[in-house]
mmCIF file of all heavy atoms, coordinates in Angstrom:
data_MODEL
# 
_entry.id   MODEL 
# 
loop_
_atom_site.group_PDB 
_atom_site.id 
_atom_site.type_symbol 
_atom_site.label_atom_id 
_atom_site.label_alt_id 
_atom_site.label_comp_id 
_atom_site.label_asym_id 
_atom_site.label_entity_id 
_atom_site.label_seq_id 
_atom_site.pdbx_PDB_ins_code 
_atom_site.Cartn_x 
_atom_site.Cartn_y 
_atom_site.Cartn_z 
_atom_site.occupancy 
_atom_site.B_iso_or_equiv 
_atom_site.pdbx_formal_charge 
_atom_site.auth_seq_id 
_atom_site.auth_comp_id 
_atom_site.auth_asym_id 
_atom_site.auth_atom_id 
_atom_site.pdbx_PDB_model_num 
ATOM 1   N N   . PRO A 1 1  ? 106.081 104.746 -29.090 1.00 0.00 ? 1  PRO A N   1 
ATOM 2   C CA  . PRO A 1 1  ? 106.326 103.348 -29.042 1.00 0.00 ? 1  PRO A CA  1 
ATOM 3   C C   . PRO A 1 1  ? 106.660 102.779 -27.763 1.00 0.00 ? 1  PRO A C   1 
ATOM 4   O O   . PRO A 1 1  ? 107.364 103.345 -26.944 1.00 0.00 ? 1  PRO A O   1 
ATOM 5   C CB  . PRO A 1 1  ? 107.441 103.207 -30.107 1.00 0.00 ? 1  PRO A CB  1 
ATOM 6   C CG  . PRO A 1 1  ? 107.563 104.422 -30.811 1.00 0.00 ? 1  PRO A CG  1 
ATOM 7   C CD  . PRO A 1 1  ? 107.094 105.424 -29.855 1.00 0.00 ? 1  PRO A CD  1 
ATOM 8   N N   . ARG A 1 2  ? 106.102 101.482 -27.559 1.00 0.00 ? 2  ARG A N   1 
ATOM 9   C CA  . ARG A 1 2  ? 106.552 100.687 -26.340 1.00 0.00 ? 2  ARG A CA  1 
ATOM 10  C C   . ARG A 1 2  ? 108.135 100.529 -26.418 1.00 0.00 ? 2  ARG A C   1 
ATOM 11  O O   . ARG A 1 2  ? 108.737 100.033 -27.484 1.00 0.00 ? 2  ARG A O   1 
ATOM 12  C CB  . ARG A 1 2  ? 105.838 99.352  -26.400 1.00 0.00 ? 2  ARG A CB  1 
ATOM 13  C CG  . ARG A 1 2  ? 106.486 98.434  -25.241 1.00 0.00 ? 2  ARG A CG  1 
ATOM 14  C CD  . ARG A 1 2  ? 105.622 97.166  -25.079 1.00 0.00 ? 2  ARG A CD  1 
ATOM 15  N NE  . ARG A 1 2  ? 104.800 96.764  -26.192 1.00 0.00 ? 2  ARG A NE  1 
ATOM 16  C CZ  . ARG A 1 2  ? 105.315 95.837  -27.125 1.00 0.00 ? 2  ARG A CZ  1 
ATOM 17  N NH1 . ARG A 1 2  ? 106.576 95.623  -27.135 1.00 0.00 ? 2  ARG A NH1 1 
ATOM 18  N NH2 . ARG A 1 2  ? 104.553 95.532  -28.077 1.00 0.00 ? 2  ARG A NH2 1 
ATOM 19  N N   . PRO A 1 3  ? 108.917 100.765 -25.398 1.00 0.00 ? 3  PRO A N   1 
ATOM 20  C CA  . PRO A 1 3  ? 110.344 100.628 -25.371 1.00 0.00 ? 3  PRO A CA  1 
ATOM 21  C C   . PRO A 1 3  ? 110.790 99.228  -25.713 1.00 0.00 ? 3  PRO A C   1 
ATOM 22  O O   . PRO A 1 3  ? 109.981 98.291  -25.217 1.00 0.00 ? 3  PRO A O   1 
ATOM 23  C CB  . PRO A 1 3  ? 110.759 101.086 -24.046 1.00 0.00 ? 3  PRO A CB  1 
ATOM 24  C CG  . PRO A 1 3  ? 109.702 102.051 -23.622 1.00 0.00 ? 3  PRO A CG  1 
ATOM 25  C CD  . PRO A 1 3  ? 108.381 101.512 -24.120 1.00 0.00 ? 3  PRO A CD  1 
ATOM 26  N N   . ALA A 1 4  ? 111.869 98.962  -26.322 1.00 0.00 ? 4  ALA A N   1 
ATOM 27  C CA  . ALA A 1 4  ? 112.276 97.674  -26.645 1.00 0.00 ? 4  ALA A CA  1 
ATOM 28  C C   . ALA A 1 4  ? 112.460 96.852  -25.412 1.00 0.00 ? 4  ALA A C   1 
ATOM 29  O O   . ALA A 1 4  ? 112.563 95.538  -25.454 1.00 0.00 ? 4  ALA A O   1 
ATOM 30  C CB  . ALA A 1 4  ? 113.538 97.705  -27.531 1.00 0.00 ? 4  ALA A CB  1 
ATOM 31  N N   . THR A 1 5  ? 112.707 97.459  -24.223 1.00 0.00 ? 5  THR A N   1 
ATOM 32  C CA  . THR A 1 5  ? 112.946 96.726  -23.060 1.00 0.00 ? 5  THR A CA  1 
ATOM 33  C C   . THR A 1 5  ? 111.853 96.075  -22.341 1.00 0.00 ? 5  THR A C   1 
ATOM 34  O O   . THR A 1 5  ? 111.816 95.380  -21.395 1.00 0.00 ? 5  THR A O   1 
ATOM 35  C CB  . THR A 1 5  ? 113.709 97.547  -22.045 1.00 0.00 ? 5  THR A CB  1 
ATOM 36  O OG1 . THR A 1 5  ? 112.779 98.784  -21.816 1.00 0.00 ? 5  THR A OG1 1 
ATOM 37  C CG2 . THR A 1 5  ? 115.125 98.033  -22.432 1.00 0.00 ? 5  THR A CG2 1 
ATOM 38  N N   . ILE A 1 6  ? 110.526 96.539  -22.917 1.00 0.00 ? 6  ILE A N   1 
ATOM 39  C CA  . ILE A 1 6  ? 109.333 96.101  -22.351 1.00 0.00 ? 6  ILE A CA  1 
ATOM 40  C C   . ILE A 1 6  ? 108.695 94.996  -23.318 1.00 0.00 ? 6  ILE A C   1 
ATOM 41  O O   . ILE A 1 6  ? 108.485 95.404  -24.551 1.00 0.00 ? 6  ILE A O   1 
ATOM 42  C CB  . ILE A 1 6  ? 108.302 97.274  -22.210 1.00 0.00 ? 6  ILE A CB  1 
ATOM 43  C CG1 . ILE A 1 6  ? 108.864 98.326  -21.278 1.00 0.00 ? 6  ILE A CG1 1 
ATOM 44  C CG2 . ILE A 1 6  ? 106.910 96.716  -21.741 1.00 0.00 ? 6  ILE A CG2 1 
ATOM 45  C CD1 . ILE A 1 6  ? 108.038 99.479  -21.121 1.00 0.00 ? 6  ILE A CD1 1 
ATOM 46  N N   . PRO A 1 7  ? 108.496 93.787  -23.015 1.00 0.00 ? 7  PRO A N   1 
ATOM 47  C CA  . PRO A 1 7  ? 107.953 92.755  -23.787 1.00 0.00 ? 7  PRO A CA  1 
ATOM 48  C C   . PRO A 1 7  ? 106.447 93.026  -24.256 1.00 0.00 ? 7  PRO A C   1 
ATOM 49  O O   . PRO A 1 7  ? 105.833 93.713  -23.459 1.00 0.00 ? 7  PRO A O   1 
ATOM 50  C CB  . PRO A 1 7  ? 108.072 91.527  -23.063 1.00 0.00 ? 7  PRO A CB  1 
ATOM 51  C CG  . PRO A 1 7  ? 108.085 91.967  -21.635 1.00 0.00 ? 7  PRO A CG  1 
ATOM 52  C CD  . PRO A 1 7  ? 108.790 93.274  -21.545 1.00 0.00 ? 7  PRO A CD  1 
ATOM 53  N N   . ALA A 1 8  ? 106.154 92.580  -25.222 1.00 0.00 ? 8  ALA A N   1 
ATOM 54  C CA  . ALA A 1 8  ? 104.608 92.577  -25.594 1.00 0.00 ? 8  ALA A CA  1 
ATOM 55  C C   . ALA A 1 8  ? 103.898 91.761  -24.585 1.00 0.00 ? 8  ALA A C   1 
ATOM 56  O O   . ALA A 1 8  ? 104.385 90.743  -24.124 1.00 0.00 ? 8  ALA A O   1 
ATOM 57  C CB  . ALA A 1 8  ? 104.418 92.092  -26.912 1.00 0.00 ? 8  ALA A CB  1 
ATOM 58  N N   . TRP A 1 9  ? 102.718 92.190  -24.186 1.00 0.00 ? 9  TRP A N   1 
ATOM 59  C CA  . TRP A 1 9  ? 101.914 91.517  -23.177 1.00 0.00 ? 9  TRP A CA  1 
ATOM 60  C C   . TRP A 1 9  ? 101.750 90.002  -23.491 1.00 0.00 ? 9  TRP A C   1 
ATOM 61  O O   . TRP A 1 9  ? 101.768 89.097  -22.712 1.00 0.00 ? 9  TRP A O   1 
ATOM 62  C CB  . TRP A 1 9  ? 100.536 92.306  -22.873 1.00 0.00 ? 9  TRP A CB  1 
ATOM 63  C CG  . TRP A 1 9  ? 99.727  91.608  -21.913 1.00 0.00 ? 9  TRP A CG  1 
ATOM 64  C CD1 . TRP A 1 9  ? 98.628  90.837  -22.132 1.00 0.00 ? 9  TRP A CD1 1 
ATOM 65  C CD2 . TRP A 1 9  ? 99.991  91.468  -20.440 1.00 0.00 ? 9  TRP A CD2 1 
ATOM 66  N NE1 . TRP A 1 9  ? 98.104  90.251  -20.916 1.00 0.00 ? 9  TRP A NE1 1 
ATOM 67  C CE2 . TRP A 1 9  ? 98.979  90.647  -19.884 1.00 0.00 ? 9  TRP A CE2 1 
ATOM 68  C CE3 . TRP A 1 9  ? 100.979 92.050  -19.602 1.00 0.00 ? 9  TRP A CE3 1 
ATOM 69  C CZ2 . TRP A 1 9  ? 98.858  90.508  -18.512 1.00 0.00 ? 9  TRP A CZ2 1 
ATOM 70  C CZ3 . TRP A 1 9  ? 100.765 91.765  -18.195 1.00 0.00 ? 9  TRP A CZ3 1 
ATOM 71  C CH2 . TRP A 1 9  ? 99.784  90.929  -17.665 1.00 0.00 ? 9  TRP A CH2 1 
ATOM 72  N N   . ASN A 1 10 ? 101.414 89.724  -24.778 1.00 0.00 ? 10 ASN A N   1 
ATOM 73  C CA  . ASN A 1 10 ? 101.072 88.386  -25.107 1.00 0.00 ? 10 ASN A CA  1 
ATOM 74  C C   . ASN A 1 10 ? 102.228 87.488  -25.134 1.00 0.00 ? 10 ASN A C   1 
ATOM 75  O O   . ASN A 1 10 ? 102.167 86.195  -25.216 1.00 0.00 ? 10 ASN A O   1 
ATOM 76  C CB  . ASN A 1 10 ? 100.462 88.345  -26.551 1.00 0.00 ? 10 ASN A CB  1 
ATOM 77  C CG  . ASN A 1 10 ? 101.324 88.916  -27.673 1.00 0.00 ? 10 ASN A CG  1 
ATOM 78  O OD1 . ASN A 1 10 ? 102.541 89.040  -27.517 1.00 0.00 ? 10 ASN A OD1 1 
ATOM 79  N ND2 . ASN A 1 10 ? 100.677 89.129  -28.856 1.00 0.00 ? 10 ASN A ND2 1 
ATOM 80  N N   . THR A 1 11 ? 103.409 87.983  -24.867 1.00 0.00 ? 11 THR A N   1 
ATOM 81  C CA  . THR A 1 11 ? 104.698 87.152  -24.809 1.00 0.00 ? 11 THR A CA  1 
ATOM 82  C C   . THR A 1 11 ? 105.151 87.085  -23.177 1.00 0.00 ? 11 THR A C   1 
ATOM 83  O O   . THR A 1 11 ? 106.149 86.458  -23.060 1.00 0.00 ? 11 THR A O   1 
ATOM 84  C CB  . THR A 1 11 ? 105.864 87.630  -25.674 1.00 0.00 ? 11 THR A CB  1 
ATOM 85  O OG1 . THR A 1 11 ? 106.358 88.924  -25.108 1.00 0.00 ? 11 THR A OG1 1 
ATOM 86  C CG2 . THR A 1 11 ? 105.440 87.770  -27.123 1.00 0.00 ? 11 THR A CG2 1 
ATOM 87  N N   . THR A 1 12 ? 104.398 87.864  -22.355 1.00 0.00 ? 12 THR A N   1 
ATOM 88  C CA  . THR A 1 12 ? 104.837 87.960  -21.012 1.00 0.00 ? 12 THR A CA  1 
ATOM 89  C C   . THR A 1 12 ? 104.542 86.696  -20.141 1.00 0.00 ? 12 THR A C   1 
ATOM 90  O O   . THR A 1 12 ? 103.445 86.121  -20.320 1.00 0.00 ? 12 THR A O   1 
ATOM 91  C CB  . THR A 1 12 ? 104.245 89.110  -20.375 1.00 0.00 ? 12 THR A CB  1 
ATOM 92  O OG1 . THR A 1 12 ? 104.656 90.325  -21.124 1.00 0.00 ? 12 THR A OG1 1 
ATOM 93  C CG2 . THR A 1 12 ? 104.672 89.424  -18.970 1.00 0.00 ? 12 THR A CG2 1 
ATOM 94  N N   . THR A 1 13 ? 105.407 86.435  -19.311 1.00 0.00 ? 13 THR A N   1 
ATOM 95  C CA  . THR A 1 13 ? 105.263 85.228  -18.443 1.00 0.00 ? 13 THR A CA  1 
ATOM 96  C C   . THR A 1 13 ? 104.700 85.731  -17.052 1.00 0.00 ? 13 THR A C   1 
ATOM 97  O O   . THR A 1 13 ? 104.942 87.012  -16.751 1.00 0.00 ? 13 THR A O   1 
ATOM 98  C CB  . THR A 1 13 ? 106.449 84.359  -18.257 1.00 0.00 ? 13 THR A CB  1 
ATOM 99  O OG1 . THR A 1 13 ? 107.553 85.171  -17.734 1.00 0.00 ? 13 THR A OG1 1 
ATOM 100 C CG2 . THR A 1 13 ? 106.824 83.762  -19.615 1.00 0.00 ? 13 THR A CG2 1 
ATOM 101 N N   . ASP A 1 14 ? 104.261 84.955  -16.227 1.00 0.00 ? 14 ASP A N   1 
ATOM 102 C CA  . ASP A 1 14 ? 103.655 85.347  -14.881 1.00 0.00 ? 14 ASP A CA  1 
ATOM 103 C C   . ASP A 1 14 ? 102.743 86.434  -14.886 1.00 0.00 ? 14 ASP A C   1 
ATOM 104 O O   . ASP A 1 14 ? 102.878 87.429  -14.188 1.00 0.00 ? 14 ASP A O   1 
ATOM 105 C CB  . ASP A 1 14 ? 105.011 85.648  -14.035 1.00 0.00 ? 14 ASP A CB  1 
ATOM 106 C CG  . ASP A 1 14 ? 104.689 85.570  -12.527 1.00 0.00 ? 14 ASP A CG  1 
ATOM 107 O OD1 . ASP A 1 14 ? 103.579 85.060  -12.233 1.00 0.00 ? 14 ASP A OD1 1 
ATOM 108 O OD2 . ASP A 1 14 ? 105.530 85.966  -11.746 1.00 0.00 ? 14 ASP A OD2 1 
ATOM 109 N N   . LYS A 1 15 ? 101.805 86.350  -15.803 1.00 0.00 ? 15 LYS A N   1 
ATOM 110 C CA  . LYS A 1 15 ? 100.899 87.398  -15.989 1.00 0.00 ? 15 LYS A CA  1 
ATOM 111 C C   . LYS A 1 15 ? 100.113 87.739  -14.678 1.00 0.00 ? 15 LYS A C   1 
ATOM 112 O O   . LYS A 1 15 ? 99.804  88.935  -14.488 1.00 0.00 ? 15 LYS A O   1 
ATOM 113 C CB  . LYS A 1 15 ? 99.879  87.022  -17.136 1.00 0.00 ? 15 LYS A CB  1 
ATOM 114 C CG  . LYS A 1 15 ? 100.492 87.210  -18.530 1.00 0.00 ? 15 LYS A CG  1 
ATOM 115 C CD  . LYS A 1 15 ? 99.415  86.934  -19.567 1.00 0.00 ? 15 LYS A CD  1 
ATOM 116 C CE  . LYS A 1 15 ? 99.819  87.283  -20.953 1.00 0.00 ? 15 LYS A CE  1 
ATOM 117 N NZ  . LYS A 1 15 ? 100.887 86.264  -21.451 1.00 0.00 ? 15 LYS A NZ  1 
ATOM 118 N N   . ALA A 1 16 ? 99.744  86.690  -13.978 1.00 0.00 ? 16 ALA A N   1 
ATOM 119 C CA  . ALA A 1 16 ? 98.989  86.902  -12.624 1.00 0.00 ? 16 ALA A CA  1 
ATOM 120 C C   . ALA A 1 16 ? 99.713  88.012  -11.715 1.00 0.00 ? 16 ALA A C   1 
ATOM 121 O O   . ALA A 1 16 ? 99.004  88.725  -11.150 1.00 0.00 ? 16 ALA A O   1 
ATOM 122 C CB  . ALA A 1 16 ? 98.696  85.566  -12.100 1.00 0.00 ? 16 ALA A CB  1 
ATOM 123 N N   . ARG A 1 17 ? 100.975 87.653  -11.638 1.00 0.00 ? 17 ARG A N   1 
ATOM 124 C CA  . ARG A 1 17 ? 101.762 88.663  -10.637 1.00 0.00 ? 17 ARG A CA  1 
ATOM 125 C C   . ARG A 1 17 ? 101.704 90.036  -11.287 1.00 0.00 ? 17 ARG A C   1 
ATOM 126 O O   . ARG A 1 17 ? 101.543 90.987  -10.541 1.00 0.00 ? 17 ARG A O   1 
ATOM 127 C CB  . ARG A 1 17 ? 103.220 88.098  -10.635 1.00 0.00 ? 17 ARG A CB  1 
ATOM 128 C CG  . ARG A 1 17 ? 104.077 88.951  -9.707  1.00 0.00 ? 17 ARG A CG  1 
ATOM 129 C CD  . ARG A 1 17 ? 105.444 88.284  -9.521  1.00 0.00 ? 17 ARG A CD  1 
ATOM 130 N NE  . ARG A 1 17 ? 106.316 89.088  -8.814  1.00 0.00 ? 17 ARG A NE  1 
ATOM 131 C CZ  . ARG A 1 17 ? 106.390 89.234  -7.427  1.00 0.00 ? 17 ARG A CZ  1 
ATOM 132 N NH1 . ARG A 1 17 ? 105.482 88.537  -6.689  1.00 0.00 ? 17 ARG A NH1 1 
ATOM 133 N NH2 . ARG A 1 17 ? 107.234 90.133  -6.740  1.00 0.00 ? 17 ARG A NH2 1 
ATOM 134 N N   . TRP A 1 18 ? 101.931 90.173  -12.607 1.00 0.00 ? 18 TRP A N   1 
ATOM 135 C CA  . TRP A 1 18 ? 101.841 91.510  -13.143 1.00 0.00 ? 18 TRP A CA  1 
ATOM 136 C C   . TRP A 1 18 ? 100.595 92.171  -13.022 1.00 0.00 ? 18 TRP A C   1 
ATOM 137 O O   . TRP A 1 18 ? 100.496 93.456  -12.746 1.00 0.00 ? 18 TRP A O   1 
ATOM 138 C CB  . TRP A 1 18 ? 102.369 91.400  -14.687 1.00 0.00 ? 18 TRP A CB  1 
ATOM 139 C CG  . TRP A 1 18 ? 103.729 91.250  -14.973 1.00 0.00 ? 18 TRP A CG  1 
ATOM 140 C CD1 . TRP A 1 18 ? 104.361 90.220  -15.500 1.00 0.00 ? 18 TRP A CD1 1 
ATOM 141 C CD2 . TRP A 1 18 ? 104.782 92.339  -14.622 1.00 0.00 ? 18 TRP A CD2 1 
ATOM 142 N NE1 . TRP A 1 18 ? 105.694 90.362  -15.504 1.00 0.00 ? 18 TRP A NE1 1 
ATOM 143 C CE2 . TRP A 1 18 ? 105.977 91.686  -15.056 1.00 0.00 ? 18 TRP A CE2 1 
ATOM 144 C CE3 . TRP A 1 18 ? 104.815 93.548  -14.297 1.00 0.00 ? 18 TRP A CE3 1 
ATOM 145 C CZ2 . TRP A 1 18 ? 107.134 92.387  -15.071 1.00 0.00 ? 18 TRP A CZ2 1 
ATOM 146 C CZ3 . TRP A 1 18 ? 105.920 94.271  -14.179 1.00 0.00 ? 18 TRP A CZ3 1 
ATOM 147 C CH2 . TRP A 1 18 ? 107.174 93.630  -14.476 1.00 0.00 ? 18 TRP A CH2 1 
ATOM 148 N N   . VAL A 1 19 ? 99.408  91.401  -13.229 1.00 0.00 ? 19 VAL A N   1 
ATOM 149 C CA  . VAL A 1 19 ? 98.066  91.933  -13.067 1.00 0.00 ? 19 VAL A CA  1 
ATOM 150 C C   . VAL A 1 19 ? 97.961  92.436  -11.660 1.00 0.00 ? 19 VAL A C   1 
ATOM 151 O O   . VAL A 1 19 ? 97.330  93.499  -11.350 1.00 0.00 ? 19 VAL A O   1 
ATOM 152 C CB  . VAL A 1 19 ? 96.999  90.881  -13.479 1.00 0.00 ? 19 VAL A CB  1 
ATOM 153 C CG1 . VAL A 1 19 ? 95.694  91.325  -12.978 1.00 0.00 ? 19 VAL A CG1 1 
ATOM 154 C CG2 . VAL A 1 19 ? 97.071  90.634  -14.971 1.00 0.00 ? 19 VAL A CG2 1 
ATOM 155 N N   . ARG A 1 20 ? 98.306  91.617  -10.652 1.00 0.00 ? 20 ARG A N   1 
ATOM 156 C CA  . ARG A 1 20 ? 98.228  91.925  -9.281  1.00 0.00 ? 20 ARG A CA  1 
ATOM 157 C C   . ARG A 1 20 ? 98.955  93.273  -8.900  1.00 0.00 ? 20 ARG A C   1 
ATOM 158 O O   . ARG A 1 20 ? 98.409  94.202  -8.193  1.00 0.00 ? 20 ARG A O   1 
ATOM 159 C CB  . ARG A 1 20 ? 98.714  90.898  -8.405  1.00 0.00 ? 20 ARG A CB  1 
ATOM 160 C CG  . ARG A 1 20 ? 98.758  91.074  -6.928  1.00 0.00 ? 20 ARG A CG  1 
ATOM 161 C CD  . ARG A 1 20 ? 97.406  90.963  -6.317  1.00 0.00 ? 20 ARG A CD  1 
ATOM 162 N NE  . ARG A 1 20 ? 97.351  91.245  -4.930  1.00 0.00 ? 20 ARG A NE  1 
ATOM 163 C CZ  . ARG A 1 20 ? 96.297  91.231  -4.044  1.00 0.00 ? 20 ARG A CZ  1 
ATOM 164 N NH1 . ARG A 1 20 ? 95.149  90.791  -4.616  1.00 0.00 ? 20 ARG A NH1 1 
ATOM 165 N NH2 . ARG A 1 20 ? 96.340  91.461  -2.843  1.00 0.00 ? 20 ARG A NH2 1 
ATOM 166 N N   . LYS A 1 21 ? 100.051 93.484  -9.457  1.00 0.00 ? 21 LYS A N   1 
ATOM 167 C CA  . LYS A 1 21 ? 100.962 94.732  -9.232  1.00 0.00 ? 21 LYS A CA  1 
ATOM 168 C C   . LYS A 1 21 ? 100.137 95.952  -9.718  1.00 0.00 ? 21 LYS A C   1 
ATOM 169 O O   . LYS A 1 21 ? 99.925  96.795  -8.871  1.00 0.00 ? 21 LYS A O   1 
ATOM 170 C CB  . LYS A 1 21 ? 102.295 94.636  -9.915  1.00 0.00 ? 21 LYS A CB  1 
ATOM 171 C CG  . LYS A 1 21 ? 103.341 93.684  -9.308  1.00 0.00 ? 21 LYS A CG  1 
ATOM 172 C CD  . LYS A 1 21 ? 104.581 93.906  -10.175 1.00 0.00 ? 21 LYS A CD  1 
ATOM 173 C CE  . LYS A 1 21 ? 105.732 93.129  -9.375  1.00 0.00 ? 21 LYS A CE  1 
ATOM 174 N NZ  . LYS A 1 21 ? 106.991 93.416  -10.066 1.00 0.00 ? 21 LYS A NZ  1 
ATOM 175 N N   . MET A 1 22 ? 99.625  95.922  -10.856 1.00 0.00 ? 22 MET A N   1 
ATOM 176 C CA  . MET A 1 22 ? 98.875  97.156  -11.347 1.00 0.00 ? 22 MET A CA  1 
ATOM 177 C C   . MET A 1 22 ? 97.500  97.298  -10.642 1.00 0.00 ? 22 MET A C   1 
ATOM 178 O O   . MET A 1 22 ? 97.078  98.362  -10.344 1.00 0.00 ? 22 MET A O   1 
ATOM 179 C CB  . MET A 1 22 ? 98.724  96.940  -12.897 1.00 0.00 ? 22 MET A CB  1 
ATOM 180 C CG  . MET A 1 22 ? 98.101  98.297  -13.488 1.00 0.00 ? 22 MET A CG  1 
ATOM 181 S SD  . MET A 1 22 ? 99.135  99.823  -13.186 1.00 0.00 ? 22 MET A SD  1 
ATOM 182 C CE  . MET A 1 22 ? 98.185  101.028 -13.674 1.00 0.00 ? 22 MET A CE  1 
ATOM 183 N N   . ALA A 1 23 ? 96.901  96.209  -10.214 1.00 0.00 ? 23 ALA A N   1 
ATOM 184 C CA  . ALA A 1 23 ? 95.578  96.368  -9.523  1.00 0.00 ? 23 ALA A CA  1 
ATOM 185 C C   . ALA A 1 23 ? 95.891  97.006  -8.133  1.00 0.00 ? 23 ALA A C   1 
ATOM 186 O O   . ALA A 1 23 ? 95.040  97.781  -7.712  1.00 0.00 ? 23 ALA A O   1 
ATOM 187 C CB  . ALA A 1 23 ? 94.970  94.917  -9.325  1.00 0.00 ? 23 ALA A CB  1 
ATOM 188 N N   . VAL A 1 24 ? 97.085  96.709  -7.428  1.00 0.00 ? 24 VAL A N   1 
ATOM 189 C CA  . VAL A 1 24 ? 97.273  97.254  -6.197  1.00 0.00 ? 24 VAL A CA  1 
ATOM 190 C C   . VAL A 1 24 ? 97.654  98.764  -6.350  1.00 0.00 ? 24 VAL A C   1 
ATOM 191 O O   . VAL A 1 24 ? 97.168  99.673  -5.661  1.00 0.00 ? 24 VAL A O   1 
ATOM 192 C CB  . VAL A 1 24 ? 98.384  96.478  -5.492  1.00 0.00 ? 24 VAL A CB  1 
ATOM 193 C CG1 . VAL A 1 24 ? 98.726  97.154  -4.183  1.00 0.00 ? 24 VAL A CG1 1 
ATOM 194 C CG2 . VAL A 1 24 ? 98.043  95.037  -5.220  1.00 0.00 ? 24 VAL A CG2 1 
ATOM 195 N N   . TYR A 1 25 ? 98.362  99.066  -7.494  1.00 0.00 ? 25 TYR A N   1 
ATOM 196 C CA  . TYR A 1 25 ? 98.843  100.413 -7.723  1.00 0.00 ? 25 TYR A CA  1 
ATOM 197 C C   . TYR A 1 25 ? 97.472  101.269 -7.914  1.00 0.00 ? 25 TYR A C   1 
ATOM 198 O O   . TYR A 1 25 ? 97.296  102.279 -7.445  1.00 0.00 ? 25 TYR A O   1 
ATOM 199 C CB  . TYR A 1 25 ? 99.697  100.402 -9.017  1.00 0.00 ? 25 TYR A CB  1 
ATOM 200 C CG  . TYR A 1 25 ? 100.042 101.832 -9.340  1.00 0.00 ? 25 TYR A CG  1 
ATOM 201 C CD1 . TYR A 1 25 ? 101.237 102.356 -8.880  1.00 0.00 ? 25 TYR A CD1 1 
ATOM 202 C CD2 . TYR A 1 25 ? 99.416  102.438 -10.464 1.00 0.00 ? 25 TYR A CD2 1 
ATOM 203 C CE1 . TYR A 1 25 ? 101.633 103.775 -9.315  1.00 0.00 ? 25 TYR A CE1 1 
ATOM 204 C CE2 . TYR A 1 25 ? 99.729  103.694 -10.845 1.00 0.00 ? 25 TYR A CE2 1 
ATOM 205 C CZ  . TYR A 1 25 ? 100.833 104.389 -10.350 1.00 0.00 ? 25 TYR A CZ  1 
ATOM 206 O OH  . TYR A 1 25 ? 101.234 105.623 -10.706 1.00 0.00 ? 25 TYR A OH  1 
ATOM 207 N N   . ALA A 1 26 ? 96.650  100.631 -8.726  1.00 0.00 ? 26 ALA A N   1 
ATOM 208 C CA  . ALA A 1 26 ? 95.288  101.443 -9.052  1.00 0.00 ? 26 ALA A CA  1 
ATOM 209 C C   . ALA A 1 26 ? 94.575  101.719 -7.673  1.00 0.00 ? 26 ALA A C   1 
ATOM 210 O O   . ALA A 1 26 ? 93.979  102.648 -7.570  1.00 0.00 ? 26 ALA A O   1 
ATOM 211 C CB  . ALA A 1 26 ? 94.513  100.745 -10.042 1.00 0.00 ? 26 ALA A CB  1 
# 
């Protein structure tokens, strides 16, 4: 299960920043 400390993606704010982070990591 997704840990309780991680919000569901559809409730997350600042999605563009989060997307950028994973794109750079990849």
